[in-house]
Amino acid sequence: PPPFTGVWMGDSKLCAIGVHCGNHITSHGLALNCCTDLSWFDHIVPCGLEGKGVTSLSHELGQHVAVSHVLEPFLDSFQEVFDCTLVSSEDPG
């Protein structure tokens, strides 16, 4: 929910998005919870947001969702939204 970043299901964060700037280097990334053991989040305040939870695709869909099932459609959508072509370091040439 605004003004929080990420992807939310109600009051629970499904995907975190982050940016780090330091020493003249900027890095960014995201963490999409597919089949994450959510019990670990009971020991911290995720993203520093009191009263908010964390969820996963597996929890929300009521079935196991492996990263391998999500990766290709996620990358396809990323390319479409950002009008780019992703190149893997594993691709020959």
Protein backbone atom coordinates (compact mmCIF):
# COMPACT_ATOMS: atom_id res chain seq x y z
CA PRO A 1 0.00 0.00 0.00
CA PRO A 2 1.24 3.53 -0.72
CA PRO A 3 3.67 4.95 0.21
CA PHE A 4 5.53 1.64 0.63
CA THR A 5 7.64 0.18 -2.17
CA GLY A 6 7.38 -3.38 -3.41
CA VAL A 7 4.51 -5.64 -4.34
CA TRP A 8 1.85 -6.12 -1.69
CA MET A 9 -1.01 -8.53 -1.00
CA GLY A 10 -3.10 -6.60 1.49
CA ASP A 11 -0.80 -5.74 4.42
CA SER A 12 1.81 -8.35 3.48
CA LYS A 13 4.79 -7.76 1.22
CA LEU A 14 5.21 -10.28 -1.60
CA CYS A 15 8.18 -8.66 -3.35
CA ALA A 16 10.79 -6.26 -1.99
CA ILE A 17 12.53 -3.72 -4.20
CA GLY A 18 15.70 -2.00 -3.13
CA VAL A 19 18.38 0.46 -4.19
CA HIS A 20 21.77 0.97 -2.56
CA CYS A 21 24.12 3.85 -3.28
CA GLY A 22 27.64 4.03 -1.91
CA ASN A 23 31.27 4.53 -2.90
CA HIS A 24 30.20 5.89 -6.31
CA ILE A 25 28.34 2.64 -7.08
CA THR A 26 24.60 2.17 -7.38
CA SER A 27 23.08 -1.30 -7.12
CA HIS A 28 19.49 -2.39 -7.19
CA GLY A 29 17.47 -5.55 -6.99
CA LEU A 30 14.31 -7.29 -5.95
CA ALA A 31 13.28 -10.31 -3.95
CA LEU A 32 10.12 -12.12 -5.04
CA ASN A 33 9.03 -14.59 -2.38
CA CYS A 34 8.09 -17.79 -4.21
CA CYS A 35 8.40 -20.64 -1.70
CA THR A 36 10.09 -18.81 1.15
CA ASP A 37 10.00 -20.19 4.71
CA LEU A 38 7.99 -17.31 6.16
CA SER A 39 8.67 -18.32 9.79
CA TRP A 40 12.04 -16.54 9.63
CA PHE A 41 10.21 -13.22 9.35
CA ASP A 42 8.74 -13.78 12.83
CA HIS A 43 12.17 -12.85 14.26
CA ILE A 44 12.59 -9.48 12.55
CA VAL A 45 10.67 -6.39 11.51
CA PRO A 46 10.72 -6.91 7.72
CA CYS A 47 11.85 -3.82 5.84
CA GLY A 48 11.55 -1.91 9.11
CA LEU A 49 7.76 -1.73 8.74
CA GLU A 50 6.02 -2.34 12.06
CA GLY A 51 2.66 -4.08 11.77
CA LYS A 52 3.19 -5.28 8.20
CA GLY A 53 3.69 -8.89 7.18
CA VAL A 54 5.45 -10.90 4.52
CA THR A 55 3.87 -13.43 2.20
CA SER A 56 4.85 -15.68 -0.70
CA LEU A 57 3.33 -16.91 -3.94
CA SER A 58 3.10 -20.41 -2.45
CA HIS A 59 1.23 -19.12 0.60
CA GLU A 60 -1.15 -16.95 -1.41
CA LEU A 61 -1.91 -19.63 -4.02
CA GLY A 62 -2.10 -22.51 -1.55
CA GLN A 63 0.35 -24.63 -3.54
CA HIS A 64 4.12 -24.92 -3.94
CA VAL A 65 5.47 -22.34 -6.41
CA ALA A 66 9.15 -22.94 -7.21
CA VAL A 67 11.46 -20.21 -8.46
CA SER A 68 12.00 -22.28 -11.61
CA HIS A 69 8.27 -21.96 -12.42
CA VAL A 70 8.33 -18.18 -12.05
CA LEU A 71 11.65 -17.19 -13.58
CA GLU A 72 10.85 -17.37 -17.32
CA PRO A 73 7.47 -15.57 -17.17
CA PHE A 74 8.98 -12.97 -14.83
CA LEU A 75 11.88 -12.28 -17.20
CA ASP A 76 9.51 -12.14 -20.20
CA SER A 77 7.36 -9.56 -18.41
CA PHE A 78 10.42 -7.57 -17.36
CA GLN A 79 11.58 -7.33 -20.98
CA GLU A 80 8.14 -6.26 -22.12
CA VAL A 81 7.64 -3.60 -19.44
CA PHE A 82 11.14 -2.12 -19.78
CA ASP A 83 11.32 -2.59 -23.57
CA CYS A 84 14.68 -4.33 -23.36
CA THR A 85 16.43 -7.59 -24.17
CA LEU A 86 18.00 -9.48 -21.27
CA VAL A 87 21.27 -11.26 -21.95
CA SER A 88 22.42 -14.08 -19.71
CA SER A 89 26.10 -14.48 -18.86
CA GLU A 90 25.50 -18.16 -19.67
CA ASP A 91 24.48 -17.37 -23.27
CA PRO A 92 27.20 -18.27 -25.78
CA GLY A 93 28.47 -15.27 -27.72
